[in-house]
Amino acid sequence: MLASPVQGQVWGLGRVAGAEYRDRWGGLVDLPPDFDDAAAARLCAVLAGGGLAGTGEDQVAIRDAGVLARRLARAPLPRELRPWTPGGTVLVTGGTGAIGGHVAGWLAGRHAPRVVLTSRSGPDSLGAAVLAADLATAGTAAEVIACDVAGRAEVASLLARIAATGPRLAGVMHAAGVLDDGLLDGMDAGRLASVMAAKAAGAAHLDELTRDADLEQFVLFSSAAATFGGAGQGNYAAANAFLDGLAQRRAALGERGLSVAWGPWAGGMAQASDAARDRLRRGPLVEMDPALAIRALGQALAGHDSLLAVMDVDWDQFGATASPFVRELPEVARTAREAGAAAGPDLGRQELTRRLAGLPRARQVQVLADLVRGGAAGVLGHASPEAIEADRAFGDLGFDSLTSLEMRQHLAAVTGLKLPATLLFDYPTPAALAEHLWAEAFTSGPGHLPVLDELDRLAALLASVGRGDEARSEITARLDAIAQEFRAGPEEGAAAGLELQAATNDEMFNLVEQELRDSEFD
């Protein structure tokens, strides 16, 4: 049995840390309550050879039976679909929101005799009166009540009111929640507590106060953020991970309990900012048709699972960087195979090096600037890099902390470089960032940067030689000879090749410049 749903919050938060700090991510280990010698030996085995990454896993639990790895697997449909018909009142927290409204309508379609919709605003919520009227027209008595489920006393008073007015409480649908997105480095206790209150504390109060109510259903509306870990949603992921753990504990105790980790519902992001909605549209989770989501809810209630994920997923995005958690899904495995088994972590750097090879410095910087502008356009949701001005500050372009994180992770992937968290602050325009990337990319190889600089100077000098200049043929012949000697290497170039290898950059340039000057007087 799950020992503590509260500790599940640590895993929810940890998965977000993995999404925000990929270069530091080592993984998560769940240790048994009794940490004996056998458990210690298993932990050492997991950490041996470079930590969790050495085992190929990033989320494991150590138990008496061995080391268990976390996996996402498809849930089969129940063999016999027996639709639930509520035998009494159903309480829907967050009931005046977009998702709560769809759930209430579905309950009316299932002939629930009474639905109680709660939210902090209650009857003052926009559209609450219309929703209640629609439910009554469908034959279901409806009541909209103001209640902050984060307060135990308010929940107790609400449940007493339902019991006093009847019909008895038959089901709970806990869909209440708030958002306060932000990166972990700016997440304080207050921001964690405000999101935890409605989701986790509300669920805990409902669990405790309905323990003896013999409920037909106890459904918790969790989130994909708890399943996968979403950058910028550490508090939200932690709160929903508590719901997942609570449902599993209820099921282990023989009580009704189901947590559904939902992907986004179309129209269900009313609390989210425009920037958050833009990020959602670019991500792997597609907004679901509410009618389809409600149908899936009905199927989930007909089964016996305590934890399910229901979402519309673009698996190609997951397949590109498949974590062990999802890699055994057929869609992800297929995408990974199509991407090619040779696609290692240095692929981005190799591709960038290939593109820049042989270009003069100015052109290399321009390619990198185009790379930055293209990445910025993608992160901000623009159709073309033309929308990104090279000399305009990232802040003026619309970057915030979350999009800055996305941009840094994108550039780290395509350049193979380790980039600081303050990247867009330290280099505040695409042009400045391109110069920085060029320096980082070409100073890592000893001796290459000065040679390329000298070749840029040589290219400028050669450009001054006119097409009709009589020395042009001599210059061309000498350059061909230098190139042939350089290609031949020390084995075939003998002394001349060794001389070139030993020469300093200034000596090499002076040698070429002297040859050019001599040829003018031949």
Protein backbone atom coordinates (compact mmCIF):
# COMPACT_ATOMS: atom_id res chain seq x y z
CA MET A 1 0.00 0.00 0.00
CA LEU A 2 1.20 3.53 -0.72
CA ALA A 3 2.59 4.81 2.56
CA SER A 4 2.17 8.55 2.12
CA PRO A 5 0.44 10.54 -0.64
CA VAL A 6 2.14 13.60 0.81
CA GLN A 7 5.52 12.21 -0.22
CA GLY A 8 4.15 11.85 -3.74
CA GLN A 9 4.34 15.63 -3.94
CA VAL A 10 8.12 15.36 -3.87
CA TRP A 11 8.04 13.18 -6.96
CA GLY A 12 5.70 15.60 -8.73
CA LEU A 13 8.08 18.44 -7.93
CA GLY A 14 11.09 16.30 -8.85
CA ARG A 15 9.75 15.54 -12.31
CA VAL A 16 9.40 19.28 -12.93
CA ALA A 17 12.99 19.80 -11.77
CA GLY A 18 14.00 17.24 -14.40
CA ALA A 19 12.15 19.22 -17.07
CA GLU A 20 13.64 22.57 -16.04
CA TYR A 21 17.20 21.44 -15.31
CA ARG A 22 17.86 18.70 -17.83
CA ASP A 23 21.62 19.17 -17.64
CA ARG A 24 21.55 18.45 -13.89
CA TRP A 25 18.85 15.77 -13.85
CA GLY A 26 19.91 12.54 -12.19
CA GLY A 27 16.54 10.97 -11.47
CA LEU A 28 14.28 9.98 -8.56
CA VAL A 29 14.60 7.06 -6.16
CA ASP A 30 11.79 5.98 -3.83
CA LEU A 31 13.29 4.21 -0.80
CA PRO A 32 11.42 1.73 1.41
CA PRO A 33 10.34 2.79 4.93
CA ASP A 34 12.78 0.27 6.46
CA PHE A 35 16.14 0.97 4.89
CA ASP A 36 18.03 -2.26 5.66
CA ASP A 37 21.22 -3.72 4.21
CA ALA A 38 19.35 -5.31 1.30
CA ALA A 39 17.78 -1.97 0.36
CA ALA A 40 21.17 -0.26 0.68
CA ALA A 41 22.73 -2.83 -1.63
CA ARG A 42 20.00 -2.28 -4.21
CA LEU A 43 20.46 1.48 -3.97
CA CYS A 44 24.19 1.09 -4.53
CA ALA A 45 23.49 -1.10 -7.56
CA VAL A 46 21.13 1.54 -8.97
CA LEU A 47 23.66 4.33 -8.47
CA ALA A 48 26.67 2.37 -9.68
CA GLY A 49 28.17 3.34 -13.00
CA GLY A 50 27.21 7.00 -13.12
CA GLY A 51 23.94 7.20 -11.22
CA LEU A 52 20.47 6.42 -12.52
CA ALA A 53 21.48 7.31 -16.05
CA GLY A 54 23.89 4.39 -15.93
CA THR A 55 21.00 1.99 -15.36
CA GLY A 56 18.96 3.44 -18.22
CA GLU A 57 16.25 4.51 -15.75
CA ASP A 58 15.44 7.87 -14.23
CA GLN A 59 12.60 6.95 -11.84
CA VAL A 60 12.84 3.83 -9.69
CA ALA A 61 11.48 2.42 -6.43
CA ILE A 62 13.48 0.05 -4.23
CA ARG A 63 11.35 -2.66 -2.65
CA ASP A 64 11.80 -6.10 -1.08
CA ALA A 65 10.95 -7.65 -4.44
CA GLY A 66 13.72 -5.72 -6.18
CA VAL A 67 14.11 -2.47 -8.10
CA LEU A 68 10.96 -1.27 -9.86
CA ALA A 69 10.97 1.21 -12.74
CA ARG A 70 8.14 3.64 -13.52
CA ARG A 71 6.34 3.08 -16.85
CA LEU A 72 3.36 4.45 -18.73
CA ALA A 73 1.24 1.72 -20.32
CA ARG A 74 -2.02 1.74 -22.22
CA ALA A 75 -5.05 0.85 -20.10
CA PRO A 76 -7.43 -1.66 -21.70
CA LEU A 77 -11.11 -0.80 -21.87
CA PRO A 78 -13.28 -2.60 -19.31
CA ARG A 79 -14.67 -5.82 -20.75
CA GLU A 80 -18.15 -4.91 -19.63
CA LEU A 81 -19.09 -1.26 -19.74
CA ARG A 82 -21.71 -0.70 -17.07
CA PRO A 83 -22.44 3.03 -17.05
CA TRP A 84 -22.69 4.54 -13.61
CA THR A 85 -26.06 5.94 -12.63
CA PRO A 86 -25.67 8.07 -9.48
CA GLY A 87 -27.88 6.93 -6.64
CA GLY A 88 -27.84 10.26 -4.85
CA THR A 89 -26.27 13.71 -4.74
CA VAL A 90 -22.99 14.25 -6.54
CA LEU A 91 -20.68 17.00 -5.29
CA VAL A 92 -18.58 18.72 -7.96
CA THR A 93 -15.85 21.01 -6.63
CA GLY A 94 -14.71 23.63 -9.09
CA GLY A 95 -18.20 23.05 -10.44
CA THR A 96 -18.70 26.49 -11.96
CA GLY A 97 -15.55 26.27 -14.09
CA ALA A 98 -15.40 25.10 -17.70
CA ILE A 99 -14.53 21.48 -16.84
CA GLY A 100 -16.93 21.37 -13.90
CA GLY A 101 -19.74 22.54 -16.14
CA HIS A 102 -19.13 19.70 -18.60
CA VAL A 103 -19.03 17.18 -15.74
CA ALA A 104 -22.29 18.53 -14.33
CA GLY A 105 -23.98 18.23 -17.71
CA TRP A 106 -22.78 14.64 -18.02
CA LEU A 107 -24.13 13.83 -14.55
CA ALA A 108 -27.51 15.21 -15.57
CA GLY A 109 -27.37 12.96 -18.62
CA ARG A 110 -26.71 10.03 -16.28
CA HIS A 111 -29.91 10.97 -14.38
CA ALA A 112 -28.23 12.14 -11.20
CA PRO A 113 -31.06 13.23 -8.90
CA ARG A 114 -29.09 16.19 -7.56
CA VAL A 115 -25.82 17.96 -8.29
CA VAL A 116 -24.11 20.40 -5.91
CA LEU A 117 -21.62 22.70 -7.61
CA THR A 118 -19.08 24.52 -5.47
CA SER A 119 -16.42 27.13 -6.07
CA ARG A 120 -15.00 30.01 -4.10
CA SER A 121 -17.30 32.45 -5.92
CA GLY A 122 -20.32 30.16 -5.88
CA PRO A 123 -23.50 31.75 -7.30
CA ASP A 124 -21.51 34.88 -8.27
CA SER A 125 -19.46 32.91 -10.80
CA LEU A 126 -19.96 33.84 -14.42
CA GLY A 127 -22.59 31.60 -16.01
CA ALA A 128 -23.49 29.81 -12.77
CA ALA A 129 -27.18 30.67 -12.95
CA VAL A 130 -27.46 29.54 -16.57
CA LEU A 131 -25.68 26.26 -15.77
CA ALA A 132 -28.04 25.53 -12.85
CA ALA A 133 -31.05 26.28 -15.03
CA ASP A 134 -29.80 23.96 -17.78
CA LEU A 135 -29.33 21.15 -15.28
CA ALA A 136 -32.83 21.67 -13.88
CA THR A 137 -34.26 21.58 -17.40
CA ALA A 138 -32.52 18.21 -17.88
CA GLY A 139 -34.26 16.89 -14.79
CA THR A 140 -31.45 17.19 -12.25
CA ALA A 141 -31.83 19.40 -9.21
CA ALA A 142 -28.88 21.77 -9.02
CA GLU A 143 -27.47 23.96 -6.28
CA VAL A 144 -24.52 26.32 -6.56
CA ILE A 145 -22.77 26.99 -3.26
CA ALA A 146 -19.74 29.12 -2.37
CA CYS A 147 -17.16 26.97 -0.59
CA ASP A 148 -13.38 27.11 -0.36
CA VAL A 149 -12.48 23.43 -0.09
CA ALA A 150 -9.05 24.39 1.26
CA GLY A 151 -10.82 25.08 4.57
CA ARG A 152 -11.77 21.95 6.49
CA ALA A 153 -14.54 23.69 8.40
CA GLU A 154 -16.15 24.91 5.18
CA VAL A 155 -16.06 21.40 3.69
CA ALA A 156 -17.57 19.91 6.84
CA SER A 157 -20.37 22.51 6.79
CA LEU A 158 -21.04 21.80 3.10
CA LEU A 159 -21.28 18.05 3.64
CA ALA A 160 -23.59 18.54 6.62
CA ARG A 161 -25.85 20.70 4.48
CA ILE A 162 -25.99 18.04 1.74
CA ALA A 163 -26.81 15.34 4.32
CA ALA A 164 -29.56 17.47 5.86
CA THR A 165 -31.30 18.34 2.59
CA GLY A 166 -30.80 15.03 0.73
CA PRO A 167 -30.57 12.95 -1.29
CA ARG A 168 -27.53 11.38 0.40
CA LEU A 169 -24.08 12.00 -0.96
CA ALA A 170 -23.29 9.34 -3.58
CA GLY A 171 -20.25 10.73 -5.33
CA VAL A 172 -17.51 13.35 -5.24
CA MET A 173 -15.89 14.90 -8.30
CA HIS A 174 -12.97 17.03 -7.13
CA ALA A 175 -12.11 19.37 -10.02
CA ALA A 176 -11.17 22.48 -8.03
CA GLY A 177 -7.75 24.00 -8.59
CA VAL A 178 -5.76 27.17 -9.18
CA LEU A 179 -2.71 27.97 -11.27
CA ASP A 180 0.34 30.02 -10.34
CA ASP A 181 2.97 28.99 -12.87
CA GLY A 182 6.62 29.85 -12.48
CA LEU A 183 10.08 28.29 -12.57
CA LEU A 184 11.41 26.53 -9.49
CA ASP A 185 14.12 29.12 -8.86
CA GLY A 186 11.35 31.67 -8.24
CA MET A 187 8.99 29.34 -6.37
CA ASP A 188 8.58 30.21 -2.70
CA ALA A 189 6.53 28.58 0.06
CA GLY A 190 3.62 30.94 -0.50
CA ARG A 191 3.26 30.05 -4.17
CA LEU A 192 3.48 26.37 -3.35
CA ALA A 193 0.86 26.69 -0.59
CA SER A 194 -1.67 28.62 -2.67
CA VAL A 195 -1.81 25.93 -5.35
CA MET A 196 -1.64 23.06 -2.86
CA ALA A 197 -4.58 24.43 -0.90
CA ALA A 198 -7.35 23.92 -3.44
CA LYS A 199 -6.01 20.73 -4.98
CA ALA A 200 -4.26 18.76 -2.25
CA ALA A 201 -5.78 20.15 0.95
CA GLY A 202 -9.25 20.11 -0.59
CA ALA A 203 -8.83 16.46 -1.60
CA ALA A 204 -7.52 15.55 1.86
CA HIS A 205 -10.53 17.17 3.55
CA LEU A 206 -12.98 15.42 1.24
CA ASP A 207 -11.22 12.09 1.78
CA GLU A 208 -11.29 12.39 5.55
CA LEU A 209 -14.83 13.74 5.90
CA THR A 210 -16.48 11.23 3.52
CA ARG A 211 -14.59 8.17 4.80
CA ASP A 212 -17.76 6.62 6.28
CA ALA A 213 -20.18 7.87 3.61
CA ASP A 214 -20.13 4.65 1.54
CA LEU A 215 -19.58 6.63 -1.65
CA GLU A 216 -20.27 5.15 -5.07
CA GLN A 217 -17.52 7.25 -6.65
CA PHE A 218 -14.65 9.39 -5.40
CA VAL A 219 -12.99 10.98 -8.45
CA LEU A 220 -10.00 13.32 -8.35
CA PHE A 221 -9.18 15.46 -11.39
CA SER A 222 -5.40 15.33 -11.65
CA SER A 223 -3.17 16.64 -14.43
CA ALA A 224 -0.64 15.56 -17.02
CA ALA A 225 1.79 17.86 -15.18
CA ALA A 226 1.94 15.27 -12.40
CA THR A 227 2.42 12.43 -14.89
CA PHE A 228 5.17 13.91 -17.03
CA GLY A 229 6.38 16.95 -15.12
CA GLY A 230 5.78 20.29 -16.80
CA ALA A 231 8.34 23.08 -16.83
CA GLY A 232 7.02 26.05 -14.87
CA GLN A 233 4.39 24.02 -13.03
CA GLY A 234 6.25 22.67 -10.02
CA ASN A 235 3.54 23.60 -7.53
CA TYR A 236 0.73 22.34 -9.75
CA ALA A 237 2.52 19.05 -10.49
CA ALA A 238 3.19 18.46 -6.80
CA ALA A 239 -0.43 19.14 -5.86
CA ASN A 240 -1.77 16.77 -8.50
CA ALA A 241 0.76 14.08 -7.61
CA PHE A 242 -0.84 14.12 -4.16
CA LEU A 243 -4.22 13.36 -5.79
CA ASP A 244 -2.71 10.40 -7.62
CA GLY A 245 -1.28 9.01 -4.39
CA LEU A 246 -4.50 9.62 -2.45
CA ALA A 247 -6.60 7.68 -4.95
CA GLN A 248 -4.16 4.76 -4.83
CA ARG A 249 -4.25 4.70 -1.05
CA ARG A 250 -8.05 4.76 -0.98
CA ALA A 251 -8.16 1.87 -3.44
CA ALA A 252 -5.66 -0.09 -1.32
CA LEU A 253 -7.98 0.39 1.68
CA GLY A 254 -10.90 -1.01 -0.29
CA GLU A 255 -12.60 2.35 -0.83
CA ARG A 256 -13.70 3.92 -4.08
CA GLY A 257 -10.98 6.10 -5.46
CA LEU A 258 -9.93 7.17 -8.95
CA SER A 259 -7.49 9.88 -10.00
CA VAL A 260 -7.54 10.86 -13.66
CA ALA A 261 -4.51 12.76 -14.92
CA TRP A 262 -6.09 14.87 -17.64
CA GLY A 263 -4.47 16.47 -20.59
CA PRO A 264 -5.82 19.92 -21.48
CA TRP A 265 -9.50 20.28 -22.33
CA ALA A 266 -10.49 22.66 -25.10
CA GLY A 267 -11.84 25.73 -23.35
CA GLY A 268 -10.56 24.52 -20.00
CA MET A 269 -7.57 26.89 -19.73
CA ALA A 270 -9.55 29.90 -18.51
CA GLN A 271 -7.08 30.58 -15.68
CA ALA A 272 -4.02 30.33 -17.89
CA SER A 273 -2.22 33.30 -19.41
CA ASP A 274 -1.94 33.85 -23.15
CA ALA A 275 1.72 32.81 -22.95
CA ALA A 276 0.76 29.56 -21.22
CA ARG A 277 -1.82 28.79 -23.89
CA ASP A 278 0.75 29.47 -26.60
CA ARG A 279 3.16 27.04 -24.95
CA LEU A 280 0.41 24.46 -24.77
CA ARG A 281 -0.28 24.73 -28.48
CA ARG A 282 3.40 24.09 -29.24
CA GLY A 283 3.65 21.16 -26.84
CA PRO A 284 2.93 17.46 -27.23
CA LEU A 285 -0.47 17.54 -25.50
CA VAL A 286 -3.31 18.47 -27.82
CA GLU A 287 -6.45 20.08 -26.43
CA MET A 288 -9.17 17.45 -26.12
CA ASP A 289 -12.75 17.74 -27.27
CA PRO A 290 -14.69 17.94 -23.97
CA ALA A 291 -17.32 15.53 -25.29
CA LEU A 292 -14.59 12.94 -25.95
CA ALA A 293 -13.04 13.57 -22.52
CA ILE A 294 -16.41 13.07 -20.81
CA ARG A 295 -16.91 9.83 -22.71
CA ALA A 296 -13.50 8.66 -21.45
CA LEU A 297 -14.52 9.61 -17.91
CA GLY A 298 -17.56 7.36 -18.17
CA GLN A 299 -15.38 4.48 -19.37
CA ALA A 300 -12.91 5.07 -16.52
CA LEU A 301 -15.69 4.91 -13.93
CA ALA A 302 -16.82 1.57 -15.36
CA GLY A 303 -13.42 0.02 -14.63
CA HIS A 304 -11.43 -0.81 -11.53
CA ASP A 305 -8.31 1.35 -11.95
CA SER A 306 -7.28 3.84 -9.29
CA LEU A 307 -4.95 5.91 -11.50
CA LEU A 308 -5.39 6.69 -15.19
CA ALA A 309 -4.09 9.27 -17.63
CA VAL A 310 -6.48 10.55 -20.29
CA MET A 311 -4.94 12.85 -22.87
CA ASP A 312 -4.51 13.46 -26.59
CA VAL A 313 -0.78 13.18 -27.29
CA ASP A 314 1.47 14.04 -30.21
CA TRP A 315 3.79 11.08 -29.66
CA ASP A 316 6.28 12.29 -32.25
CA GLN A 317 7.38 15.02 -29.85
CA PHE A 318 7.90 12.49 -27.08
CA GLY A 319 9.66 10.10 -29.43
CA ALA A 320 12.36 12.61 -30.25
CA THR A 321 13.64 12.52 -26.65
CA ALA A 322 11.95 9.45 -25.25
CA SER A 323 12.44 8.95 -21.53
CA PRO A 324 12.34 5.44 -20.06
CA PHE A 325 8.89 6.26 -18.65
CA VAL A 326 7.27 6.29 -22.10
CA ARG A 327 9.70 4.53 -24.42
CA GLU A 328 7.90 1.17 -24.36
CA LEU A 329 4.69 2.62 -25.78
CA PRO A 330 4.34 1.44 -29.40
CA GLU A 331 3.94 4.99 -30.75
CA VAL A 332 7.08 6.22 -29.01
CA ALA A 333 9.12 3.15 -29.96
CA ARG A 334 8.15 3.58 -33.60
CA THR A 335 9.09 7.27 -33.62
CA ALA A 336 12.43 6.50 -31.96
CA ARG A 337 13.21 3.85 -34.60
CA GLU A 338 12.35 6.25 -37.41
CA ALA A 339 14.58 8.90 -35.89
CA GLY A 340 17.48 6.42 -36.11
CA ALA A 341 19.38 4.55 -33.48
CA ALA A 342 22.49 6.62 -34.13
CA ALA A 343 20.89 9.83 -32.91
CA GLY A 344 23.09 10.37 -29.86
CA PRO A 345 23.40 13.44 -27.63
CA ASP A 346 26.15 14.96 -29.78
CA LEU A 347 24.08 14.86 -32.97
CA GLY A 348 23.12 18.53 -32.73
CA ARG A 349 26.73 19.62 -32.31
CA GLN A 350 27.86 17.46 -35.22
CA GLU A 351 25.19 18.87 -37.51
CA LEU A 352 26.05 22.44 -36.51
CA THR A 353 29.76 21.82 -37.07
CA ARG A 354 29.00 20.42 -40.53
CA ARG A 355 26.93 23.48 -41.45
CA LEU A 356 29.60 25.94 -40.30
CA ALA A 357 32.63 24.12 -41.71
CA GLY A 358 34.53 26.11 -44.31
CA LEU A 359 32.56 29.33 -43.83
CA PRO A 360 34.28 32.61 -42.97
CA ARG A 361 33.73 33.88 -39.46
CA ALA A 362 31.17 36.52 -40.42
CA ARG A 363 29.08 33.94 -42.25
CA GLN A 364 29.31 31.52 -39.33
CA VAL A 365 27.99 34.16 -36.95
CA GLN A 366 25.17 34.89 -39.39
CA VAL A 367 24.21 31.20 -39.51
CA LEU A 368 24.14 31.13 -35.72
CA ALA A 369 22.07 34.32 -35.64
CA ASP A 370 19.57 32.71 -38.02
CA LEU A 371 19.55 29.65 -35.75
CA VAL A 372 18.77 31.85 -32.73
CA ARG A 373 16.07 33.77 -34.57
CA GLY A 374 14.48 30.55 -35.81
CA GLY A 375 14.48 29.10 -32.31
CA ALA A 376 13.01 32.29 -30.88
CA ALA A 377 10.27 32.30 -33.50
CA GLY A 378 9.39 28.70 -32.66
CA VAL A 379 9.32 29.30 -28.92
CA LEU A 380 7.18 32.44 -29.27
CA GLY A 381 4.85 30.84 -31.79
CA HIS A 382 5.76 33.00 -34.81
CA ALA A 383 5.41 31.56 -38.29
CA SER A 384 8.78 32.83 -39.51
CA PRO A 385 12.18 33.93 -38.13
CA GLU A 386 11.57 37.20 -39.97
CA ALA A 387 9.40 38.22 -37.02
CA ILE A 388 12.50 38.21 -34.79
CA GLU A 389 14.76 41.24 -35.13
CA ALA A 390 18.43 40.42 -34.53
CA ASP A 391 19.16 43.59 -32.54
CA ARG A 392 15.97 43.67 -30.48
CA ALA A 393 16.09 42.62 -26.82
CA PHE A 394 14.57 39.25 -25.97
CA GLY A 395 12.44 40.91 -23.30
CA ASP A 396 10.95 43.26 -25.89
CA LEU A 397 10.29 40.31 -28.17
CA GLY A 398 8.01 38.76 -25.53
CA PHE A 399 10.25 36.34 -23.65
CA ASP A 400 9.44 35.51 -20.04
CA SER A 401 11.09 33.10 -17.60
CA LEU A 402 9.41 30.02 -19.07
CA THR A 403 10.06 30.87 -22.72
CA SER A 404 13.65 31.77 -21.81
CA LEU A 405 14.01 28.28 -20.36
CA GLU A 406 12.56 26.75 -23.53
CA MET A 407 14.94 28.81 -25.65
CA ARG A 408 17.98 27.76 -23.63
CA GLN A 409 17.00 24.08 -23.82
CA HIS A 410 16.41 24.36 -27.58
CA LEU A 411 19.80 25.95 -28.19
CA ALA A 412 21.54 23.44 -25.93
CA ALA A 413 20.01 20.63 -27.99
CA VAL A 414 20.98 22.03 -31.40
CA THR A 415 24.46 23.21 -30.42
CA GLY A 416 25.47 20.52 -27.94
CA LEU A 417 26.72 23.27 -25.61
CA LYS A 418 26.12 23.64 -21.89
CA LEU A 419 24.42 27.00 -21.54
CA PRO A 420 23.79 28.99 -18.35
CA ALA A 421 20.32 29.61 -16.93
CA THR A 422 20.93 33.35 -17.37
CA LEU A 423 21.71 32.97 -21.09
CA LEU A 424 19.12 35.42 -22.47
CA PHE A 425 19.87 37.89 -19.68
CA ASP A 426 23.63 37.80 -20.26
CA TYR A 427 23.26 38.04 -24.06
CA PRO A 428 20.05 40.05 -24.45
CA THR A 429 19.67 40.14 -28.26
CA PRO A 430 19.82 37.45 -30.96
CA ALA A 431 22.90 39.15 -32.43
CA ALA A 432 24.75 39.20 -29.11
CA LEU A 433 23.76 35.61 -28.40
CA ALA A 434 24.98 34.48 -31.82
CA GLU A 435 28.41 36.00 -31.12
CA HIS A 436 28.52 34.18 -27.78
CA LEU A 437 27.55 30.85 -29.35
CA TRP A 438 30.23 31.27 -31.99
CA ALA A 439 32.88 31.86 -29.34
CA GLU A 440 31.67 28.89 -27.29
CA ALA A 441 31.51 26.60 -30.31
CA PHE A 442 34.97 27.39 -31.64
CA THR A 443 37.13 27.93 -28.56
CA SER A 444 36.48 24.38 -27.33
CA GLY A 445 38.84 22.96 -29.98
CA PRO A 446 42.46 24.04 -29.20
CA GLY A 447 44.18 25.89 -32.00
CA HIS A 448 41.26 26.12 -34.41
CA LEU A 449 39.93 29.58 -33.59
CA PRO A 450 43.13 31.55 -34.43
CA VAL A 451 43.60 29.68 -37.73
CA LEU A 452 40.07 30.49 -38.80
CA ASP A 453 40.59 34.14 -37.85
CA GLU A 454 43.71 34.28 -40.01
CA LEU A 455 41.88 32.66 -42.90
CA ASP A 456 39.21 35.36 -42.61
CA ARG A 457 41.93 37.99 -42.91
CA LEU A 458 43.42 36.15 -45.88
CA ALA A 459 40.02 36.00 -47.56
CA ALA A 460 39.69 39.77 -47.17
CA LEU A 461 43.16 40.28 -48.64
CA LEU A 462 42.41 38.04 -51.61
CA ALA A 463 39.23 39.98 -52.28
CA SER A 464 41.38 43.05 -53.00
CA VAL A 465 43.10 41.30 -55.90
CA GLY A 466 41.34 42.37 -59.10
CA ARG A 467 40.18 39.90 -61.74
CA GLY A 468 42.60 41.40 -64.30
CA ASP A 469 45.59 41.39 -62.00
CA GLU A 470 48.53 39.56 -63.62
CA ALA A 471 49.53 38.05 -60.28
CA ARG A 472 46.17 36.30 -59.89
CA SER A 473 47.33 33.05 -61.56
CA GLU A 474 50.46 32.92 -59.38
CA ILE A 475 48.36 33.49 -56.25
CA THR A 476 45.96 30.74 -57.29
CA ALA A 477 48.79 28.29 -57.91
CA ARG A 478 50.37 29.02 -54.51
CA LEU A 479 47.04 28.62 -52.69
CA ASP A 480 46.46 25.31 -54.46
CA ALA A 481 49.90 24.11 -53.36
CA ILE A 482 49.25 25.10 -49.72
CA ALA A 483 45.87 23.35 -49.78
CA GLN A 484 47.39 20.18 -51.24
CA GLU A 485 50.12 20.13 -48.60
CA PHE A 486 47.56 20.68 -45.84
CA ARG A 487 45.30 17.88 -47.09
CA ALA A 488 48.23 15.48 -47.39
CA GLY A 489 49.04 15.69 -43.68
CA PRO A 490 52.41 15.07 -42.03
CA GLU A 491 52.85 11.55 -43.47
CA GLU A 492 52.81 12.75 -47.08
CA GLY A 493 53.74 16.41 -46.68
CA ALA A 494 57.14 15.52 -45.10
CA ALA A 495 59.15 18.50 -43.85
CA ALA A 496 56.88 21.15 -45.32
CA GLY A 497 53.87 19.63 -43.55
CA LEU A 498 55.75 19.46 -40.27
CA GLU A 499 56.80 23.07 -40.66
CA LEU A 500 53.20 24.11 -41.14
CA GLN A 501 52.15 22.17 -38.05
CA ALA A 502 54.83 23.76 -35.91
CA ALA A 503 54.29 27.31 -37.18
CA THR A 504 52.46 29.82 -35.03
CA ASN A 505 49.38 31.54 -36.42
CA ASP A 506 51.30 34.78 -37.01
CA GLU A 507 54.06 32.85 -38.78
CA MET A 508 51.54 31.09 -41.00
CA PHE A 509 49.83 34.30 -42.02
CA ASN A 510 53.15 36.09 -42.57
CA LEU A 511 54.27 33.18 -44.78
CA VAL A 512 51.18 33.44 -47.00
CA GLU A 513 51.38 37.24 -47.07
CA GLN A 514 55.09 37.07 -48.05
CA GLU A 515 54.29 34.64 -50.86
CA LEU A 516 51.66 37.03 -52.18
CA ARG A 517 54.01 39.99 -52.03
CA ASP A 518 56.81 38.04 -53.76
CA SER A 519 54.50 36.97 -56.53
CA GLU A 520 53.75 40.60 -57.38
CA PHE A 521 57.39 41.11 -58.44
CA ASP A 522 57.94 37.82 -60.31
